C-alpha atoms as a PDB file:
ATOM      1  CA  MET A   1     -37.632  -8.944 -94.694  1.00  0.00           C
ATOM      2  CA  PRO A   2     -35.818  -5.684 -94.254  1.00  0.00           C
ATOM      3  CA  GLN A   3     -35.909  -3.916 -90.762  1.00  0.00           C
ATOM      4  CA  ILE A   4     -37.808  -0.613 -91.139  1.00  0.00           C
ATOM      5  CA  ARG A   5     -37.133   2.025 -88.422  1.00  0.00           C
ATOM      6  CA  PHE A   6     -39.534   4.831 -87.208  1.00  0.00           C
ATOM      7  CA  HIS A   7     -37.198   7.172 -88.694  1.00  0.00           C
ATOM      8  CA  ASP A   8     -37.398   5.582 -92.102  1.00  0.00           C
ATOM      9  CA  LEU A   9     -41.290   5.896 -91.943  1.00  0.00           C
ATOM     10  CA  ARG A  10     -40.965   9.477 -90.937  1.00  0.00           C
ATOM     11  CA  HIS A  11     -38.639  10.317 -93.697  1.00  0.00           C
ATOM     12  CA  THR A  12     -40.905   8.518 -96.415  1.00  0.00           C
ATOM     13  CA  PHE A  13     -44.041  10.475 -95.118  1.00  0.00           C
ATOM     14  CA  VAL A  14     -42.150  13.755 -95.475  1.00  0.00           C
ATOM     15  CA  SER A  15     -40.794  12.905 -98.855  1.00  0.00           C
ATOM     16  CA  LEU A  16     -44.237  11.925-100.146  1.00  0.00           C
ATOM     17  CA  LEU A  17     -45.797  15.063 -98.779  1.00  0.00           C
ATOM     18  CA  ILE A  18     -43.148  17.252-100.512  1.00  0.00           C
ATOM     19  CA  GLN A  19     -43.463  15.253-103.847  1.00  0.00           C
ATOM     20  CA  GLN A  20     -47.266  15.667-103.941  1.00  0.00           C
ATOM     21  CA  GLY A  21     -46.573  19.523-103.531  1.00  0.00           C
ATOM     22  CA  GLU A  22     -47.853  20.056 -99.928  1.00  0.00           C
ATOM     23  CA  ASN A  23     -46.956  23.366 -98.364  1.00  0.00           C
ATOM     24  CA  ILE A  24     -43.639  23.275 -96.520  1.00  0.00           C
ATOM     25  CA  LYS A  25     -45.432  24.884 -93.596  1.00  0.00           C
ATOM     26  CA  VAL A  26     -47.889  22.140 -93.394  1.00  0.00           C
ATOM     27  CA  VAL A  27     -45.075  19.556 -93.676  1.00  0.00           C
ATOM     28  CA  ALA A  28     -43.008  21.084 -90.988  1.00  0.00           C
ATOM     29  CA  ARG A  29     -46.194  21.362 -88.741  1.00  0.00           C
ATOM     30  CA  LYS A  30     -47.057  17.639 -89.353  1.00  0.00           C
ATOM     31  CA  VAL A  31     -43.732  16.489 -88.226  1.00  0.00           C
ATOM     32  CA  ARG A  32     -43.359  18.938 -85.435  1.00  0.00           C
ATOM     33  CA  HIS A  33     -40.182  20.630 -86.682  1.00  0.00           C
ATOM     34  CA  ALA A  34     -39.303  23.992 -84.684  1.00  0.00           C
ATOM     35  CA  SER A  35     -39.406  25.871 -87.965  1.00  0.00           C
ATOM     36  CA  VAL A  36     -39.495  25.450 -91.706  1.00  0.00           C
ATOM     37  CA  VAL A  37     -35.953  26.066 -91.930  1.00  0.00           C
ATOM     38  CA  VAL A  38     -35.158  22.649 -90.210  1.00  0.00           C
ATOM     39  CA  THR A  39     -37.571  20.966 -92.809  1.00  0.00           C
ATOM     40  CA  LEU A  40     -35.893  22.738 -95.791  1.00  0.00           C
ATOM     41  CA  ASP A  41     -32.314  21.930 -94.452  1.00  0.00           C
ATOM     42  CA  THR A  42     -33.233  18.303 -94.327  1.00  0.00           C
ATOM     43  CA  TYR A  43     -35.350  17.690 -97.355  1.00  0.00           C
ATOM     44  CA  ALA A  44     -34.244  20.573 -99.652  1.00  0.00           C
ATOM     45  CA  HIS A  45     -32.596  18.017-102.080  1.00  0.00           C
ATOM     46  CA  LEU A  46     -36.470  16.686-102.942  1.00  0.00           C
ATOM     47  CA  TYR A  47     -37.334  20.150-104.352  1.00  0.00           C
ATOM     48  CA  PRO A  48     -36.518  20.291-108.074  1.00  0.00           C
ATOM     49  CA  GLU A  49     -34.227  23.184-109.032  1.00  0.00           C
ATOM     50  CA  ASP A  50     -36.319  24.087-112.114  1.00  0.00           C
ATOM     51  CA  THR A  51     -35.132  27.649-112.529  1.00  0.00           C
ATOM     52  CA  VAL A  52     -35.942  27.754-116.113  1.00  0.00           C
ATOM     53  CA  GLU A  53     -39.757  27.237-115.059  1.00  0.00           C
ATOM     54  CA  ALA A  54     -39.464  29.644-112.411  1.00  0.00           C
ATOM     55  CA  SER A  55     -38.058  32.255-114.877  1.00  0.00           C
ATOM     56  CA  ARG A  56     -40.953  31.549-117.226  1.00  0.00           C
ATOM     57  CA  LYS A  57     -43.449  32.159-114.551  1.00  0.00           C
ATOM     58  CA  LEU A  58     -42.013  35.381-113.451  1.00  0.00           C
ATOM     59  CA  GLU A  59     -41.925  36.424-117.283  1.00  0.00           C
ATOM     60  CA  ARG A  60     -45.618  35.734-117.699  1.00  0.00           C
ATOM     61  CA  ARG A  61     -46.399  37.491-114.597  1.00  0.00           C
ATOM     62  CA  LEU A  62     -44.510  40.607-115.485  1.00  0.00           C
ATOM     63  CA  PHE A  63     -45.321  40.801-119.083  1.00  0.00           C
ATOM     64  CA  GLY A  64     -48.485  38.816-119.597  1.00  0.00           C
END
């Protein structure tokens, strides 16, 4: 059986929160990071870089 460290559990917890779309402020607060910047610096790779969808959302917002 593989050894699971506390850090592994913490990382999994944060990863799951991010994957389910939890607000970054909530995530940072739950793991007691000093700021959301710490959380984003550590877990930014988990956020999809879907710039096409972001552009479509902005376009719909601006032009209906």
